[in-house]
Amino acid sequence: MKIIVDAMGGDNAPASNVRGALSAAQELGAEIILVGRGEDILNALKEDGIADLPPGVQIAHASQVVEICDDPANAFRRKKDSSLTIGLELLKNGDGDAFVSAGSTGALLSAATLLVKRIRGIRRAAMAPVVPTGNGGAVLIDCGATAECTPEYLLQYAFMGSYYARKVLGRPEPAVGLLNIGAEPSKGTDLQRQAHALLTQAHEAGRIRFTGNVEAREAVYGQVDVIVADGYSGNIFLKTMEGTGGFLSGQMKSMFKKNLLTKLSAALVSGGLRDFKKLMDAGEVGGTPLLGISKPVIKAHGSSDGYAIRNAIRQAMSFASSGLIEDITENIAYMRLPVGKMEKI
């Protein structure tokens, strides 16, 4: 499988991106196209003691870089020879199976939407990270791509999140919950109430397993496999989880460093502490898929190190081989308003 990697996107580019890509090629068997300034990529290889490109790794030269300060809506147009633009053009033309970038989220979303295009019938692409929960993780969709949504957007998010949980996470009958301030169908704004009605129809037709509204607390406990939210609420939920995880990790670290006894205690539970750190580490997942785009695109965290890039490539490979985009395409009629009668097949 051939994965296109934006070598110049992210805080630690190109060194970490190149390092992670080479790791994926060696350990996962991926073919890699590194897109970016050829000289910079080769210098990154030399810094790691590698004189020549390994087998299965190639460079696609791109002279420009989309910076975080660039206007995300127009950066890919103004910088047509950027690693972001060239990489997505390669994906669009079928020269790779998936694209991975740790660059600007807004620029990636805009460029993927306008260059690679959305799946026909999908109103908005959504960012769908897997967040740590009590049931081993849940798909949060959307986490910031579209702040102001319609009920139809949330209906489509529920379908796409359900397919992702089934195909990529291996959940045979994923439970879908609508993020809200209470469990009752009457809770929330008009958006949540109308979306609840649409999701209930889809559930009754056997298209998804909608379990109703879910409060943030129950979502973290693992009540559902898919958390459906507008981008505004979803982003607050995600950032709160990230902040809470970081805060608790810091508190635990301080607690175990207090004295000799607590340091000995830390040694006894070191395995559990490592597991907790991995649970809260976004780099373990790799990145966030952009669901609704016609080809697999993964957004890695801007601060990704080589290990995180390697995992983002692993995630891209799973996405590309899952058949998820085909599932969405085949079922688009059930994801558009009016819902009408949706018979189970």
Protein backbone atom coordinates (compact mmCIF):
# COMPACT_ATOMS: atom_id res chain seq x y z
CA MET A 1 0.00 0.00 0.00
CA LYS A 2 1.33 3.43 -0.96
CA ILE A 3 0.95 6.30 1.51
CA ILE A 4 1.64 9.92 0.59
CA VAL A 5 3.22 11.87 3.46
CA ASP A 6 3.44 15.65 3.75
CA ALA A 7 7.10 15.84 4.78
CA MET A 8 6.98 19.59 5.48
CA GLY A 9 3.81 19.85 7.62
CA GLY A 10 3.93 20.15 11.41
CA ASP A 11 6.10 21.59 14.16
CA ASN A 12 8.86 18.97 13.84
CA ALA A 13 9.06 18.73 10.06
CA PRO A 14 10.79 17.41 8.14
CA ALA A 15 12.88 15.35 10.61
CA SER A 16 10.05 13.64 12.50
CA ASN A 17 7.93 13.15 9.38
CA VAL A 18 10.80 11.49 7.53
CA ARG A 19 11.73 9.39 10.55
CA GLY A 20 8.14 8.21 11.03
CA ALA A 21 7.72 7.46 7.34
CA LEU A 22 10.87 5.33 7.25
CA SER A 23 9.71 3.49 10.35
CA ALA A 24 6.37 2.74 8.69
CA ALA A 25 8.13 1.50 5.56
CA GLN A 26 10.36 -0.84 7.56
CA GLU A 27 7.88 -2.08 10.18
CA LEU A 28 4.53 -1.92 8.38
CA GLY A 29 5.59 -2.63 4.82
CA ALA A 30 4.18 0.62 3.48
CA GLU A 31 5.39 2.22 0.29
CA ILE A 32 6.00 5.91 0.97
CA ILE A 33 5.98 9.08 -1.10
CA LEU A 34 7.58 11.91 0.85
CA VAL A 35 6.33 15.22 -0.52
CA GLY A 36 8.39 18.33 0.12
CA ARG A 37 11.68 20.07 -0.48
CA GLY A 38 13.95 17.31 -1.72
CA GLU A 39 17.14 18.74 -0.26
CA ASP A 40 15.56 19.16 3.19
CA ILE A 41 14.27 15.58 3.13
CA LEU A 42 17.68 14.19 2.15
CA ASN A 43 19.34 16.26 4.88
CA ALA A 44 16.91 14.80 7.41
CA LEU A 45 17.93 11.33 6.27
CA LYS A 46 21.61 12.19 6.62
CA GLU A 47 21.06 13.45 10.16
CA ASP A 48 19.85 9.94 11.00
CA GLY A 49 22.87 8.38 9.31
CA ILE A 50 21.01 7.31 6.16
CA ALA A 51 22.85 8.11 2.93
CA ASP A 52 20.29 6.91 0.37
CA LEU A 53 16.55 6.51 0.15
CA PRO A 54 15.54 3.04 1.36
CA PRO A 55 13.64 0.73 -1.01
CA GLY A 56 9.96 1.59 -1.22
CA VAL A 57 10.50 5.26 -0.33
CA GLN A 58 10.51 8.04 -2.91
CA ILE A 59 10.47 11.83 -2.94
CA ALA A 60 8.02 14.07 -4.78
CA HIS A 61 9.58 17.53 -4.81
CA ALA A 62 7.48 20.50 -3.70
CA SER A 63 9.22 23.84 -3.30
CA GLN A 64 6.70 25.57 -1.00
CA VAL A 65 5.35 25.02 2.50
CA VAL A 66 1.94 25.97 3.88
CA GLU A 67 2.72 27.75 7.13
CA ILE A 68 0.45 27.87 10.17
CA CYS A 69 0.09 31.65 9.66
CA ASP A 70 -1.24 31.26 6.10
CA ASP A 71 -4.93 31.79 5.41
CA PRO A 72 -6.26 28.22 5.62
CA ALA A 73 -9.01 28.76 3.04
CA ASN A 74 -6.67 29.96 0.29
CA ALA A 75 -3.19 28.70 1.20
CA PHE A 76 -3.27 25.71 -1.13
CA ARG A 77 -4.35 27.96 -4.03
CA ARG A 78 -1.69 30.59 -3.43
CA LYS A 79 1.00 27.97 -2.84
CA LYS A 80 0.32 25.57 -5.68
CA ASP A 81 3.73 23.96 -5.33
CA SER A 82 3.38 23.32 -1.60
CA SER A 83 3.80 19.86 -0.09
CA LEU A 84 0.14 19.96 0.96
CA THR A 85 -1.18 20.81 -2.50
CA ILE A 86 1.12 18.47 -4.41
CA GLY A 87 0.41 15.62 -1.98
CA LEU A 88 -3.34 15.95 -2.33
CA GLU A 89 -3.04 16.21 -6.12
CA LEU A 90 -1.13 12.91 -6.07
CA LEU A 91 -3.92 11.36 -4.00
CA LYS A 92 -6.58 12.78 -6.31
CA ASN A 93 -4.81 11.35 -9.36
CA GLY A 94 -4.53 7.87 -7.86
CA ASP A 95 -0.78 7.92 -7.24
CA GLY A 96 -1.26 6.83 -3.64
CA ASP A 97 -3.85 5.15 -1.43
CA ALA A 98 -3.98 7.72 1.38
CA PHE A 99 -2.51 11.06 2.47
CA VAL A 100 -1.07 11.99 5.87
CA SER A 101 -0.24 15.52 7.03
CA ALA A 102 0.63 17.15 10.34
CA GLY A 103 0.26 20.61 8.83
CA SER A 104 -2.45 23.25 9.21
CA THR A 105 -5.80 21.65 9.98
CA GLY A 106 -7.82 24.36 8.25
CA ALA A 107 -5.67 24.30 5.14
CA LEU A 108 -5.81 20.50 4.95
CA LEU A 109 -9.58 20.44 5.33
CA SER A 110 -10.10 23.17 2.70
CA ALA A 111 -7.66 21.62 0.25
CA ALA A 112 -9.02 18.09 0.68
CA THR A 113 -12.58 19.34 0.18
CA LEU A 114 -11.80 21.35 -2.96
CA LEU A 115 -9.10 19.20 -4.56
CA VAL A 116 -9.95 15.61 -3.63
CA LYS A 117 -13.66 16.48 -3.17
CA ARG A 118 -16.29 15.19 -0.78
CA ILE A 119 -18.17 11.96 -1.44
CA ARG A 120 -21.15 12.93 -3.57
CA GLY A 121 -24.07 13.68 -1.28
CA ILE A 122 -22.03 14.37 1.85
CA ARG A 123 -22.75 17.92 2.98
CA ARG A 124 -19.65 18.49 5.12
CA ALA A 125 -16.52 16.50 5.84
CA ALA A 126 -15.96 15.79 9.53
CA MET A 127 -12.95 15.27 11.75
CA ALA A 128 -13.35 12.03 13.68
CA PRO A 129 -10.64 11.29 16.26
CA VAL A 130 -10.77 8.20 18.47
CA VAL A 131 -10.88 9.46 22.06
CA PRO A 132 -10.01 7.32 25.12
CA THR A 133 -13.10 6.03 26.93
CA GLY A 134 -14.06 3.25 29.31
CA ASN A 135 -14.92 0.88 26.46
CA GLY A 136 -11.56 1.12 24.73
CA GLY A 137 -12.17 4.30 22.75
CA ALA A 138 -14.96 6.04 20.87
CA VAL A 139 -15.19 7.91 17.57
CA LEU A 140 -15.91 11.60 18.20
CA ILE A 141 -17.51 13.17 15.13
CA ASP A 142 -17.20 16.15 14.56
CA CYS A 143 -14.41 17.72 16.63
CA GLY A 144 -14.09 21.07 14.90
CA ALA A 145 -14.44 20.97 11.13
CA THR A 146 -17.89 22.61 11.13
CA ALA A 147 -18.88 24.71 14.13
CA GLU A 148 -22.45 25.42 13.00
CA CYS A 149 -24.27 22.30 11.86
CA THR A 150 -27.70 21.31 10.60
CA PRO A 151 -29.62 18.20 11.70
CA GLU A 152 -28.74 16.59 8.37
CA TYR A 153 -25.02 17.06 9.05
CA LEU A 154 -25.38 15.26 12.38
CA LEU A 155 -27.34 12.46 10.71
CA GLN A 156 -24.51 11.98 8.22
CA TYR A 157 -21.90 12.14 10.99
CA ALA A 158 -23.72 9.35 12.81
CA PHE A 159 -23.62 7.11 9.75
CA MET A 160 -19.98 7.86 8.94
CA GLY A 161 -18.87 7.44 12.55
CA SER A 162 -20.76 4.17 12.80
CA TYR A 163 -19.10 2.82 9.65
CA TYR A 164 -15.66 3.89 10.92
CA ALA A 165 -16.21 2.22 14.30
CA ARG A 166 -17.30 -0.97 12.56
CA LYS A 167 -14.70 -1.13 9.80
CA VAL A 168 -11.61 0.31 11.51
CA LEU A 169 -12.18 -0.19 15.24
CA GLY A 170 -13.79 -3.60 14.84
CA ARG A 171 -17.05 -2.84 16.64
CA PRO A 172 -19.67 -5.08 14.95
CA GLU A 173 -22.73 -3.14 16.20
CA PRO A 174 -21.46 0.27 17.34
CA ALA A 175 -23.68 2.22 19.72
CA VAL A 176 -24.21 5.80 18.56
CA GLY A 177 -24.94 8.61 21.02
CA LEU A 178 -25.80 12.27 20.43
CA LEU A 179 -23.75 14.53 22.71
CA ASN A 180 -26.20 16.56 24.77
CA ILE A 181 -26.86 18.09 28.20
CA GLY A 182 -29.28 15.34 29.20
CA ALA A 183 -30.57 11.94 28.20
CA GLU A 184 -34.16 12.97 27.46
CA PRO A 185 -35.12 13.56 23.78
CA SER A 186 -36.43 17.02 24.71
CA LYS A 187 -33.01 18.22 25.93
CA GLY A 188 -30.72 20.59 24.06
CA THR A 189 -31.28 23.19 21.38
CA ASP A 190 -33.42 22.83 18.26
CA LEU A 191 -30.39 21.27 16.55
CA GLN A 192 -30.11 18.42 19.05
CA ARG A 193 -33.86 17.82 19.22
CA GLN A 194 -34.26 17.67 15.45
CA ALA A 195 -31.14 15.53 15.06
CA HIS A 196 -32.46 13.17 17.74
CA ALA A 197 -35.64 12.63 15.70
CA LEU A 198 -33.66 11.86 12.54
CA LEU A 199 -31.31 9.49 14.32
CA THR A 200 -34.27 7.72 15.90
CA GLN A 201 -35.76 7.16 12.43
CA ALA A 202 -32.47 5.76 11.19
CA HIS A 203 -32.33 3.45 14.22
CA GLU A 204 -35.89 2.22 13.75
CA ALA A 205 -35.08 1.46 10.10
CA GLY A 206 -32.10 -0.66 11.24
CA ARG A 207 -29.47 1.56 9.63
CA ILE A 208 -27.58 2.54 12.79
CA ARG A 209 -27.80 1.61 16.48
CA PHE A 210 -28.77 4.92 18.01
CA THR A 211 -28.98 4.70 21.80
CA GLY A 212 -30.16 8.28 22.38
CA ASN A 213 -28.58 11.34 23.90
CA VAL A 214 -25.36 10.90 25.84
CA GLU A 215 -23.93 13.31 28.37
CA ALA A 216 -20.18 14.01 28.33
CA ARG A 217 -19.63 12.07 31.56
CA GLU A 218 -21.31 8.91 30.27
CA ALA A 219 -19.49 9.25 26.95
CA VAL A 220 -16.15 9.19 28.79
CA TYR A 221 -17.26 6.19 30.84
CA GLY A 222 -17.76 4.31 27.55
CA GLN A 223 -21.52 4.24 27.13
CA VAL A 224 -21.27 4.57 23.33
CA ASP A 225 -18.87 3.75 20.49
CA VAL A 226 -19.67 6.87 18.45
CA ILE A 227 -20.17 10.35 19.91
CA VAL A 228 -22.02 12.63 17.47
CA ALA A 229 -21.59 16.37 17.96
CA ASP A 230 -21.50 19.66 16.12
CA GLY A 231 -17.94 20.88 15.65
CA TYR A 232 -18.23 23.53 18.34
CA SER A 233 -19.39 21.19 21.10
CA GLY A 234 -17.17 18.37 19.91
CA ASN A 235 -14.06 20.53 20.00
CA ILE A 236 -14.81 21.66 23.56
CA PHE A 237 -15.34 18.01 24.56
CA LEU A 238 -12.04 16.96 22.95
CA LYS A 239 -9.98 19.83 24.38
CA THR A 240 -11.47 19.24 27.84
CA MET A 241 -10.44 15.58 27.67
CA GLU A 242 -6.93 16.51 26.54
CA GLY A 243 -6.58 19.11 29.27
CA THR A 244 -7.94 16.81 31.97
CA GLY A 245 -5.61 14.01 30.91
CA GLY A 246 -2.60 16.33 30.98
CA PHE A 247 -3.61 17.78 34.34
CA LEU A 248 -4.09 14.34 35.94
CA SER A 249 -0.78 13.12 34.54
CA GLY A 250 0.98 16.12 36.05
CA GLN A 251 -0.73 15.67 39.41
CA MET A 252 0.21 11.99 39.53
CA LYS A 253 3.81 12.79 38.63
CA SER A 254 4.04 15.37 41.43
CA MET A 255 2.37 13.01 43.88
CA PHE A 256 4.84 10.19 43.22
CA LYS A 257 7.86 12.51 43.53
CA LYS A 258 7.04 13.79 47.02
CA ASN A 259 9.33 11.54 49.02
CA LEU A 260 11.20 8.25 49.06
CA LEU A 261 8.09 6.24 49.94
CA THR A 262 6.04 7.65 47.08
CA LYS A 263 8.96 7.08 44.68
CA LEU A 264 9.07 3.43 45.74
CA SER A 265 5.31 3.24 45.24
CA ALA A 266 5.74 4.65 41.74
CA ALA A 267 8.20 1.88 40.93
CA LEU A 268 5.64 -0.72 42.01
CA VAL A 269 2.94 0.67 39.72
CA SER A 270 5.23 1.77 36.87
CA GLY A 271 3.52 -0.56 34.39
CA GLY A 272 0.13 0.91 35.14
CA LEU A 273 1.49 4.44 34.87
CA ARG A 274 2.93 3.66 31.45
CA ASP A 275 -0.42 2.26 30.34
CA PHE A 276 -2.18 5.42 31.57
CA LYS A 277 0.28 7.63 29.70
CA LYS A 278 -0.26 5.64 26.49
CA LEU A 279 -4.03 5.83 26.94
CA MET A 280 -3.93 9.64 27.01
CA ASP A 281 -1.28 10.00 24.28
CA ALA A 282 -2.73 11.13 20.95
CA GLY A 283 0.41 9.86 19.26
CA GLU A 284 -0.62 6.28 20.00
CA VAL A 285 -3.66 6.69 17.74
CA GLY A 286 -1.73 8.60 15.10
CA GLY A 287 -4.20 11.12 13.77
CA THR A 288 -7.71 12.13 12.89
CA PRO A 289 -9.44 10.87 9.74
CA LEU A 290 -11.33 13.37 7.61
CA LEU A 291 -14.53 11.42 7.00
CA GLY A 292 -16.64 12.35 4.00
CA ILE A 293 -13.68 13.02 1.68
CA SER A 294 -13.66 10.76 -1.37
CA LYS A 295 -10.22 9.33 -0.55
CA PRO A 296 -8.49 8.60 2.77
CA VAL A 297 -6.93 11.65 4.43
CA ILE A 298 -5.42 11.59 7.93
CA LYS A 299 -4.60 14.71 9.96
CA ALA A 300 -1.74 14.03 12.37
CA HIS A 301 -1.19 16.26 15.39
CA GLY A 302 0.92 19.33 14.66
CA SER A 303 3.46 18.37 17.32
CA SER A 304 3.79 14.77 16.11
CA ASP A 305 7.12 13.06 16.61
CA GLY A 306 8.35 10.19 14.46
CA TYR A 307 6.40 7.59 16.45
CA ALA A 308 3.13 9.51 16.00
CA ILE A 309 3.73 9.90 12.25
CA ARG A 310 4.40 6.18 12.01
CA ASN A 311 1.10 5.49 13.76
CA ALA A 312 -0.72 7.99 11.53
CA ILE A 313 0.54 6.03 8.52
CA ARG A 314 -0.63 2.79 10.15
CA GLN A 315 -4.03 4.39 10.65
CA ALA A 316 -4.09 5.58 7.03
CA MET A 317 -3.36 2.03 5.85
CA SER A 318 -6.24 0.66 7.93
CA PHE A 319 -8.55 3.36 6.63
CA ALA A 320 -7.57 2.76 3.00
CA SER A 321 -8.13 -1.00 3.22
CA SER A 322 -11.35 -0.84 5.26
CA GLY A 323 -13.90 -0.27 2.50
CA LEU A 324 -15.33 2.59 4.56
CA ILE A 325 -15.58 5.07 1.69
CA GLU A 326 -17.40 2.47 -0.41
CA ASP A 327 -19.87 1.88 2.45
CA ILE A 328 -20.61 5.58 2.73
CA THR A 329 -21.04 5.92 -1.03
CA GLU A 330 -23.39 2.93 -1.27
CA ASN A 331 -25.59 4.16 1.58
CA ILE A 332 -25.68 7.87 0.82
CA ALA A 333 -29.41 7.72 -0.04
CA TYR A 334 -30.18 6.93 3.60
CA MET A 335 -28.08 9.82 4.85
CA ARG A 336 -29.88 12.66 3.08
CA LEU A 337 -33.06 14.54 3.88
CA PRO A 338 -35.87 13.74 3.74
CA VAL A 339 -35.09 10.44 5.42
CA GLY A 340 -38.40 8.89 4.41
CA LYS A 341 -38.95 5.21 4.87
CA MET A 342 -35.67 3.38 5.37
CA GLU A 343 -36.28 -0.33 5.16
CA LYS A 344 -33.74 -2.66 6.66
CA ILE A 345 -31.81 -4.69 4.12
